[in-house]
Amino acid sequence: MSATPSATSAPDARAQFLRLLADALQDGSLAKLVLARHVGTDQSLQRIIAKPLLVKGEPSLSLVYRHQTRDITRNLPNAQALALVAELLPESFRNAHLFSAEGEVQLGFSKKGKPMLQRHVAQAPREVAAAAGHDREKKRYLELSRPFLRDLGVTDAQGALIPSMSRKWKQINKFIEVFDHALASAPVAAQQLLRVADFGSGKGYLTFAMHDYLRNSLAREAQVTGVELRQDMVDLCNTAAARLEHPGLVFECGDVRSVVPEAIEVMIALHACDIATDYAIHTGIRCNAAIIMCSPCCHKQVRPQLQSPGLLQPMLQYGLHLGQQAEMLTDSLRALYLEACGYETKVFEFISLEHTNKNKMILAVKRKQPVDASALLEKIAQLKAFYGVQEHCLETLLRADGLLD
């Protein structure tokens, strides 16, 4: 944005703003509309954030009414949304911010109701990069003001981050960042319902974050299910979801073996111990999930099977190195099985969870085109033979279902 915006105080500033909004809706250049400085009767309402979307092929606006303790989403066709905005300015809101490809336009009203229009012209990408510089602020995918963060104890009553939860906050944002990038390349339609299963959801930090990001930040229809073995955690999270009015968010008691969804688009399993990770990945593949996110730990199945190759025996005689080798082999095979089943797979460092120092993530995104698995299966066979591995749980599950030919 330009450092010196132009300002207009003409009496028709409000009408000019509404025309600019109508033009942005018409040509598809609208990025976001924010109505702020609420002066209406509902004191809990803070702002309205509107973003464009298609509803059954019709251009519409998704309006998120942000209250102190809950959010309410309304999807309206463009014409109805434009009429509503006209009604709200300035009777209910005294500030309006229009973000489009052309830049930013801000409409403000004084205490006496006098309108003022300011324009911030969009800069060229190179100018923006130079202005941002080396120390630009890291993008956050969620805002600390989100009600679920306060309810789960990440922020205090004033919406400030509780110092002891800074690591959790960093983890939540990194998780959403990884998911956002995966979603951008996943073979899912823009208006498709996203069904998400989060196995081992615990207190629900990431489950709530996923639901909030899909429904409120992306304005996507989503059905998110958290699966947790501890009934007290399930009850806690379901109560919070009802209190915060998170439609489409539920928690069930069970694990990846007892809760078997028929179809999901996103499968999450963080800190799934030993072969629970294999069952989770198998569930994702069986359900043809577009995105699979796993953070494995406790690699126990492969380690007893390892037969140290002669050249590696001096190195693998040490238990620590043997465990690291078993972990690397186990997760490499998992990634290769995912590749053979038609996924583009990455293995990288994540942020360790509070109850484990493991920080590895396996991320798999369904390819749009099938792949020839024969070469991958040959590499898998060679790896298993080299280390003397007779069985890998994920392979057993996939072959039993005919998913690995």
Protein backbone atom coordinates (compact mmCIF):
# COMPACT_ATOMS: atom_id res chain seq x y z
CA MET A 1 0.00 0.00 0.00
CA SER A 2 1.13 3.57 -0.61
CA ALA A 3 2.56 5.51 2.31
CA THR A 4 0.50 8.65 1.49
CA PRO A 5 -3.13 7.70 0.82
CA SER A 6 -5.48 10.15 -0.87
CA ALA A 7 -8.48 11.36 1.12
CA THR A 8 -11.93 12.53 0.09
CA SER A 9 -14.43 14.21 2.37
CA ALA A 10 -17.16 14.88 -0.19
CA PRO A 11 -20.76 14.31 0.96
CA ASP A 12 -21.10 11.43 -1.51
CA ALA A 13 -18.14 9.52 0.02
CA ARG A 14 -20.48 6.78 1.27
CA ALA A 15 -22.11 6.40 -2.14
CA GLN A 16 -18.68 6.33 -3.78
CA PHE A 17 -17.54 3.59 -1.42
CA LEU A 18 -20.63 1.50 -2.20
CA ARG A 19 -20.01 1.96 -5.95
CA LEU A 20 -16.42 0.79 -5.53
CA LEU A 21 -17.67 -2.25 -3.60
CA ALA A 22 -20.23 -3.01 -6.32
CA ASP A 23 -17.51 -2.72 -9.01
CA ALA A 24 -15.18 -5.05 -7.07
CA LEU A 25 -17.96 -7.61 -6.74
CA GLN A 26 -18.79 -7.27 -10.42
CA ASP A 27 -15.27 -7.72 -11.78
CA GLY A 28 -14.20 -10.29 -9.16
CA SER A 29 -11.36 -8.17 -7.75
CA LEU A 30 -12.70 -8.10 -4.17
CA ALA A 31 -10.39 -9.76 -1.66
CA LYS A 32 -12.05 -8.84 1.62
CA LEU A 33 -14.47 -6.37 3.20
CA VAL A 34 -14.32 -5.49 6.90
CA LEU A 35 -16.96 -3.53 8.79
CA ALA A 36 -15.67 -2.22 12.14
CA ARG A 37 -16.41 0.30 14.96
CA HIS A 38 -19.76 -1.27 15.71
CA VAL A 39 -22.32 1.13 17.21
CA GLY A 40 -25.43 -1.07 17.04
CA THR A 41 -27.54 -2.44 19.87
CA ASP A 42 -25.76 -5.82 20.11
CA GLN A 43 -22.77 -4.92 22.25
CA SER A 44 -21.16 -8.35 21.79
CA LEU A 45 -20.77 -7.84 18.01
CA GLN A 46 -17.26 -6.64 17.16
CA ARG A 47 -17.00 -6.64 13.36
CA ILE A 48 -18.15 -8.30 10.15
CA ILE A 49 -15.63 -9.84 7.76
CA ALA A 50 -16.86 -10.64 4.25
CA LYS A 51 -15.11 -12.66 1.54
CA PRO A 52 -16.30 -13.73 -1.92
CA LEU A 53 -17.34 -17.29 -2.68
CA LEU A 54 -19.60 -19.27 -4.99
CA VAL A 55 -22.77 -20.85 -3.62
CA LYS A 56 -24.22 -23.33 -6.11
CA GLY A 57 -22.50 -21.41 -8.89
CA GLU A 58 -23.84 -18.01 -7.79
CA PRO A 59 -21.34 -15.26 -6.83
CA SER A 60 -21.89 -14.51 -3.16
CA LEU A 61 -20.35 -13.01 -0.07
CA SER A 62 -19.64 -15.01 3.07
CA LEU A 63 -20.20 -12.66 6.01
CA VAL A 64 -18.70 -13.71 9.34
CA TYR A 65 -20.25 -11.84 12.29
CA ARG A 66 -17.55 -11.86 14.94
CA HIS A 67 -18.91 -11.65 18.47
CA GLN A 68 -16.96 -11.73 21.71
CA THR A 69 -17.63 -15.42 22.29
CA ARG A 70 -18.92 -16.80 19.01
CA ASP A 71 -19.02 -16.36 15.23
CA ILE A 72 -22.05 -16.48 12.98
CA THR A 73 -21.68 -16.97 9.22
CA ARG A 74 -24.19 -15.83 6.59
CA ASN A 75 -23.78 -16.45 2.86
CA LEU A 76 -25.68 -13.94 0.70
CA PRO A 77 -25.82 -13.36 -3.07
CA ASN A 78 -23.84 -10.29 -4.10
CA ALA A 79 -26.89 -8.07 -4.62
CA GLN A 80 -28.34 -8.89 -1.20
CA ALA A 81 -24.96 -8.50 0.48
CA LEU A 82 -24.45 -5.08 -1.13
CA ALA A 83 -27.90 -3.95 0.05
CA LEU A 84 -27.12 -5.17 3.57
CA VAL A 85 -23.82 -3.27 3.69
CA ALA A 86 -25.64 -0.14 2.59
CA GLU A 87 -28.09 -0.57 5.49
CA LEU A 88 -25.29 -1.07 8.02
CA LEU A 89 -23.30 2.05 7.08
CA PRO A 90 -23.26 4.19 9.19
CA GLU A 91 -26.17 3.12 11.41
CA SER A 92 -24.42 0.00 12.74
CA PHE A 93 -20.76 0.41 11.71
CA ARG A 94 -18.67 3.56 11.44
CA ASN A 95 -15.67 2.08 9.58
CA ALA A 96 -15.50 0.02 6.42
CA HIS A 97 -12.34 -1.34 4.75
CA LEU A 98 -12.45 -2.58 1.17
CA PHE A 99 -9.47 -4.68 0.01
CA SER A 100 -9.16 -5.42 -3.70
CA ALA A 101 -6.57 -5.87 -6.43
CA GLU A 102 -6.62 -2.09 -6.86
CA GLY A 103 -5.59 -1.46 -3.26
CA GLU A 104 -7.46 -0.51 -0.08
CA VAL A 105 -10.32 1.93 0.35
CA GLN A 106 -11.39 3.01 3.84
CA LEU A 107 -14.67 4.69 4.67
CA GLY A 108 -14.96 6.35 8.08
CA PHE A 109 -17.62 8.41 9.81
CA SER A 110 -17.03 11.12 12.38
CA LYS A 111 -19.07 11.41 15.57
CA LYS A 112 -21.35 13.81 13.71
CA GLY A 113 -21.78 11.31 10.89
CA LYS A 114 -19.56 13.06 8.33
CA PRO A 115 -18.08 10.51 5.88
CA MET A 116 -14.41 10.43 4.91
CA LEU A 117 -12.98 8.25 2.14
CA GLN A 118 -9.29 7.27 1.98
CA ARG A 119 -7.59 5.37 -0.83
CA HIS A 120 -4.38 3.35 -0.54
CA VAL A 121 -3.17 2.46 -4.01
CA ALA A 122 -1.67 -1.00 -4.43
CA GLN A 123 2.09 -0.98 -5.00
CA ALA A 124 4.01 -3.14 -7.44
CA PRO A 125 5.20 -6.44 -5.96
CA ARG A 126 8.86 -5.33 -5.99
CA GLU A 127 8.01 -2.15 -4.11
CA VAL A 128 6.02 -4.10 -1.58
CA ALA A 129 8.90 -6.49 -1.00
CA ALA A 130 11.34 -3.63 -0.58
CA ALA A 131 9.03 -1.83 1.83
CA ALA A 132 8.52 -4.96 3.86
CA GLY A 133 12.26 -5.57 4.17
CA HIS A 134 14.03 -8.33 6.00
CA ASP A 135 12.15 -7.85 9.26
CA ARG A 136 8.59 -8.12 7.98
CA GLU A 137 6.18 -9.79 10.40
CA LYS A 138 5.59 -13.50 9.93
CA LYS A 139 2.17 -14.29 8.54
CA ARG A 140 -0.29 -15.67 11.07
CA TYR A 141 -3.09 -17.86 9.79
CA LEU A 142 -5.22 -17.35 12.90
CA GLU A 143 -5.90 -14.30 15.03
CA LEU A 144 -5.37 -14.28 18.79
CA SER A 145 -8.85 -12.78 19.09
CA ARG A 146 -10.51 -16.05 18.07
CA PRO A 147 -12.92 -17.12 20.86
CA PHE A 148 -11.82 -20.77 20.95
CA LEU A 149 -8.27 -19.74 21.91
CA ARG A 150 -9.55 -17.98 25.01
CA ASP A 151 -11.88 -20.87 25.88
CA LEU A 152 -9.02 -23.41 25.59
CA GLY A 153 -6.66 -21.29 27.70
CA VAL A 154 -4.30 -20.08 24.96
CA THR A 155 -5.24 -16.43 25.51
CA ASP A 156 -6.52 -14.49 28.50
CA ALA A 157 -9.81 -12.60 28.89
CA GLN A 158 -8.36 -9.64 26.98
CA GLY A 159 -7.26 -11.81 24.04
CA ALA A 160 -3.56 -11.63 24.90
CA LEU A 161 -1.36 -14.70 24.51
CA ILE A 162 -0.62 -16.43 27.82
CA PRO A 163 3.20 -16.71 27.95
CA SER A 164 3.19 -20.39 28.91
CA MET A 165 1.12 -21.14 25.77
CA SER A 166 3.47 -19.44 23.30
CA ARG A 167 4.81 -22.77 22.06
CA LYS A 168 1.30 -24.12 21.59
CA TRP A 169 0.32 -20.97 19.67
CA LYS A 170 3.35 -21.39 17.41
CA GLN A 171 2.46 -25.04 16.84
CA ILE A 172 -1.15 -24.22 15.96
CA ASN A 173 -0.12 -21.62 13.38
CA LYS A 174 2.50 -23.89 11.83
CA PHE A 175 -0.03 -26.70 11.58
CA ILE A 176 -2.53 -24.45 9.79
CA GLU A 177 0.22 -23.14 7.51
CA VAL A 178 1.18 -26.67 6.46
CA PHE A 179 -2.47 -27.56 5.91
CA ASP A 180 -3.16 -24.38 3.92
CA HIS A 181 -0.31 -25.11 1.51
CA ALA A 182 -1.46 -28.71 1.11
CA LEU A 183 -5.06 -27.64 0.45
CA ALA A 184 -3.91 -25.30 -2.32
CA SER A 185 -2.62 -28.27 -4.35
CA ALA A 186 -5.11 -30.94 -3.25
CA PRO A 187 -7.67 -32.25 -5.77
CA VAL A 188 -10.76 -30.85 -4.01
CA ALA A 189 -13.32 -28.49 -5.51
CA ALA A 190 -13.57 -24.95 -4.14
CA GLN A 191 -17.14 -25.48 -2.94
CA GLN A 192 -16.71 -29.12 -1.87
CA LEU A 193 -17.65 -30.11 1.68
CA LEU A 194 -14.46 -30.96 3.54
CA ARG A 195 -14.77 -33.85 5.97
CA VAL A 196 -11.89 -33.95 8.43
CA ALA A 197 -10.97 -36.67 10.93
CA ASP A 198 -8.43 -35.81 13.63
CA PHE A 199 -7.32 -38.98 15.43
CA GLY A 200 -5.89 -38.41 18.90
CA SER A 201 -7.42 -34.95 19.17
CA GLY A 202 -6.68 -34.54 22.91
CA LYS A 203 -7.85 -31.20 24.26
CA GLY A 204 -8.78 -30.15 20.73
CA TYR A 205 -6.35 -27.29 20.09
CA LEU A 206 -5.62 -28.29 16.50
CA THR A 207 -9.13 -29.66 15.88
CA PHE A 208 -10.75 -26.35 16.85
CA ALA A 209 -8.11 -24.46 14.85
CA MET A 210 -8.79 -26.56 11.75
CA HIS A 211 -12.56 -26.05 12.01
CA ASP A 212 -12.20 -22.31 12.72
CA TYR A 213 -9.80 -21.80 9.81
CA LEU A 214 -11.98 -23.69 7.32
CA ARG A 215 -15.30 -22.16 8.37
CA ASN A 216 -14.30 -18.61 9.27
CA SER A 217 -11.07 -17.79 7.45
CA LEU A 218 -11.73 -19.72 4.23
CA ALA A 219 -15.55 -19.72 4.41
CA ARG A 220 -15.55 -23.44 3.50
CA GLU A 221 -18.25 -25.91 4.42
CA ALA A 222 -16.59 -28.38 6.76
CA GLN A 223 -17.45 -31.31 9.00
CA VAL A 224 -14.61 -31.84 11.49
CA THR A 225 -14.50 -34.82 13.84
CA GLY A 226 -12.04 -35.16 16.69
CA VAL A 227 -11.41 -38.73 17.86
CA GLU A 228 -9.98 -39.23 21.35
CA LEU A 229 -9.71 -42.23 23.70
CA ARG A 230 -10.26 -40.22 26.90
CA GLN A 231 -13.96 -39.67 27.51
CA ASP A 232 -13.33 -36.65 29.76
CA MET A 233 -11.52 -34.89 26.91
CA VAL A 234 -14.33 -35.76 24.49
CA ASP A 235 -16.92 -34.31 26.87
CA LEU A 236 -14.81 -31.20 27.46
CA CYS A 237 -14.40 -30.52 23.74
CA ASN A 238 -18.04 -31.21 22.83
CA THR A 239 -19.16 -28.82 25.56
CA ALA A 240 -16.78 -26.14 24.28
CA ALA A 241 -17.90 -26.66 20.67
CA ALA A 242 -21.54 -26.21 21.70
CA ARG A 243 -20.79 -23.20 23.90
CA LEU A 244 -18.76 -21.46 21.18
CA GLU A 245 -21.33 -22.35 18.50
CA HIS A 246 -19.00 -24.28 16.19
CA PRO A 247 -21.48 -26.03 13.86
CA GLY A 248 -20.02 -29.07 12.16
CA LEU A 249 -17.47 -29.79 14.91
CA VAL A 250 -17.95 -32.94 16.99
CA PHE A 251 -15.78 -35.18 19.15
CA GLU A 252 -16.11 -38.96 19.52
CA CYS A 253 -14.61 -41.41 21.98
CA GLY A 254 -12.43 -44.05 20.35
CA ASP A 255 -9.30 -44.49 18.26
CA VAL A 256 -8.31 -45.09 14.67
CA ARG A 257 -9.35 -48.76 14.89
CA SER A 258 -12.78 -48.23 16.47
CA VAL A 259 -13.91 -45.07 14.65
CA VAL A 260 -13.85 -45.80 10.93
CA PRO A 261 -15.33 -43.04 8.73
CA GLU A 262 -16.83 -43.94 5.37
CA ALA A 263 -15.33 -40.97 3.57
CA ILE A 264 -13.02 -38.10 4.50
CA GLU A 265 -11.08 -35.47 2.59
CA VAL A 266 -8.50 -34.76 5.33
CA MET A 267 -7.00 -37.28 7.76
CA ILE A 268 -4.90 -36.07 10.71
CA ALA A 269 -3.03 -38.23 13.21
CA LEU A 270 -0.44 -36.46 15.34
CA HIS A 271 1.52 -38.47 17.91
CA ALA A 272 0.01 -41.77 16.82
CA CYS A 273 2.17 -44.37 18.59
CA ASP A 274 3.84 -47.17 16.66
CA ILE A 275 1.44 -48.99 14.31
CA ALA A 276 -1.43 -46.60 15.16
CA THR A 277 0.18 -44.36 12.55
CA ASP A 278 -0.08 -47.19 10.02
CA TYR A 279 -3.77 -47.70 10.82
CA ALA A 280 -4.34 -43.96 10.46
CA ILE A 281 -2.57 -43.77 7.09
CA HIS A 282 -4.47 -46.85 5.94
CA THR A 283 -7.75 -45.18 6.91
CA GLY A 284 -6.81 -42.09 4.92
CA ILE A 285 -5.88 -44.11 1.84
CA ARG A 286 -8.95 -46.35 2.10
CA CYS A 287 -11.20 -43.27 2.33
CA ASN A 288 -9.38 -41.70 -0.64
CA ALA A 289 -8.50 -38.67 1.49
CA ALA A 290 -7.04 -35.77 -0.46
CA ILE A 291 -4.71 -34.81 2.41
CA ILE A 292 -3.03 -37.05 5.01
CA MET A 293 -1.06 -35.46 7.88
CA CYS A 294 0.77 -37.71 10.35
CA SER A 295 3.30 -37.11 13.09
CA PRO A 296 4.55 -40.61 14.01
CA CYS A 297 6.39 -41.77 17.10
CA CYS A 298 7.31 -44.90 19.08
CA HIS A 299 8.64 -46.98 16.19
CA LYS A 300 8.50 -50.47 17.69
CA GLN A 301 7.38 -52.87 14.98
CA VAL A 302 10.37 -52.72 12.62
CA ARG A 303 13.23 -52.46 15.13
CA PRO A 304 13.15 -56.13 16.34
CA GLN A 305 13.17 -57.28 12.71
CA LEU A 306 16.28 -55.35 11.69
CA GLN A 307 19.21 -57.48 10.64
CA SER A 308 22.19 -55.16 10.48
CA PRO A 309 23.88 -55.41 7.06
CA GLY A 310 27.55 -56.35 7.42
CA LEU A 311 28.90 -52.96 6.44
CA LEU A 312 26.59 -51.20 8.95
CA GLN A 313 27.10 -53.51 11.92
CA PRO A 314 29.83 -51.35 13.56
CA MET A 315 27.46 -48.39 13.46
CA LEU A 316 24.24 -50.19 14.41
CA GLN A 317 25.76 -52.03 17.38
CA TYR A 318 24.81 -48.96 19.42
CA GLY A 319 21.21 -48.98 20.57
CA LEU A 320 20.64 -45.28 19.90
CA HIS A 321 21.78 -45.60 16.31
CA LEU A 322 19.76 -48.76 15.81
CA GLY A 323 16.63 -46.97 17.04
CA GLN A 324 17.27 -44.01 14.75
CA GLN A 325 17.78 -46.37 11.81
CA ALA A 326 14.54 -48.19 12.60
CA GLU A 327 12.67 -44.89 12.77
CA MET A 328 14.09 -43.67 9.48
CA LEU A 329 13.35 -46.97 7.73
CA THR A 330 9.81 -47.21 9.14
CA ASP A 331 8.83 -43.72 8.02
CA SER A 332 10.60 -44.00 4.68
CA LEU A 333 8.57 -47.12 3.90
CA ARG A 334 5.38 -45.32 4.95
CA ALA A 335 6.19 -42.46 2.59
CA LEU A 336 6.94 -44.88 -0.25
CA TYR A 337 3.69 -46.80 0.33
CA LEU A 338 1.82 -43.49 0.13
CA GLU A 339 3.63 -42.65 -3.10
CA ALA A 340 2.68 -46.06 -4.50
CA CYS A 341 -0.96 -45.35 -3.64
CA GLY A 342 -0.99 -42.15 -5.65
CA TYR A 343 0.14 -39.49 -3.18
CA GLU A 344 2.83 -36.85 -3.41
CA THR A 345 4.59 -37.25 -0.09
CA LYS A 346 6.94 -35.13 1.99
CA VAL A 347 8.73 -35.92 5.25
CA PHE A 348 9.94 -32.88 7.20
CA GLU A 349 10.46 -31.38 10.64
CA PHE A 350 7.38 -30.11 12.44
CA ILE A 351 7.06 -28.53 15.88
CA SER A 352 7.18 -31.16 18.62
CA LEU A 353 4.04 -31.74 20.64
CA GLU A 354 3.91 -30.99 24.35
CA HIS A 355 3.93 -34.67 25.31
CA THR A 356 6.69 -35.88 22.96
CA ASN A 357 9.93 -34.54 21.54
CA LYS A 358 9.23 -36.14 18.17
CA ASN A 359 9.03 -33.46 15.50
CA LYS A 360 8.62 -35.32 12.22
CA MET A 361 5.62 -34.95 9.93
CA ILE A 362 4.57 -37.08 6.98
CA LEU A 363 2.41 -35.02 4.62
CA ALA A 364 0.71 -36.68 1.67
CA VAL A 365 -1.44 -34.95 -0.95
CA LYS A 366 -3.40 -36.99 -3.48
CA ARG A 367 -2.06 -36.65 -7.02
CA LYS A 368 -4.47 -35.58 -9.71
CA GLN A 369 -3.09 -38.24 -12.04
CA PRO A 370 -2.36 -41.91 -11.14
CA VAL A 371 1.21 -43.17 -10.99
CA ASP A 372 2.88 -46.43 -11.98
CA ALA A 373 3.57 -48.10 -8.65
CA SER A 374 5.72 -50.97 -9.95
CA ALA A 375 9.05 -49.13 -9.67
CA LEU A 376 8.21 -47.92 -6.16
CA LEU A 377 7.21 -51.39 -5.02
CA GLU A 378 10.54 -52.72 -6.31
CA LYS A 379 12.43 -50.11 -4.26
CA ILE A 380 10.38 -51.07 -1.20
CA ALA A 381 11.22 -54.73 -1.69
CA GLN A 382 14.92 -53.93 -1.97
CA LEU A 383 14.89 -51.85 1.22
CA LYS A 384 13.11 -54.59 3.15
CA ALA A 385 15.53 -57.22 1.88
CA PHE A 386 18.57 -55.10 2.75
CA TYR A 387 17.48 -54.75 6.37
CA GLY A 388 15.79 -58.13 6.70
CA VAL A 389 12.32 -56.67 7.35
CA GLN A 390 9.61 -59.30 6.96
CA GLU A 391 6.52 -57.25 7.79
CA HIS A 392 5.41 -53.63 7.80
CA CYS A 393 1.97 -52.99 9.29
CA LEU A 394 0.88 -50.47 6.66
CA GLU A 395 1.77 -52.83 3.82
CA THR A 396 -0.18 -55.64 5.48
CA LEU A 397 -3.27 -53.44 5.85
CA LEU A 398 -3.07 -52.13 2.28
CA ARG A 399 -2.64 -55.55 0.74
CA ALA A 400 -5.52 -56.98 2.78
CA ASP A 401 -7.79 -54.36 1.19
CA GLY A 402 -6.33 -54.75 -2.30
CA LEU A 403 -5.01 -51.17 -2.22
CA LEU A 404 -1.41 -52.11 -2.99
CA ASP A 405 -0.94 -54.12 -6.16
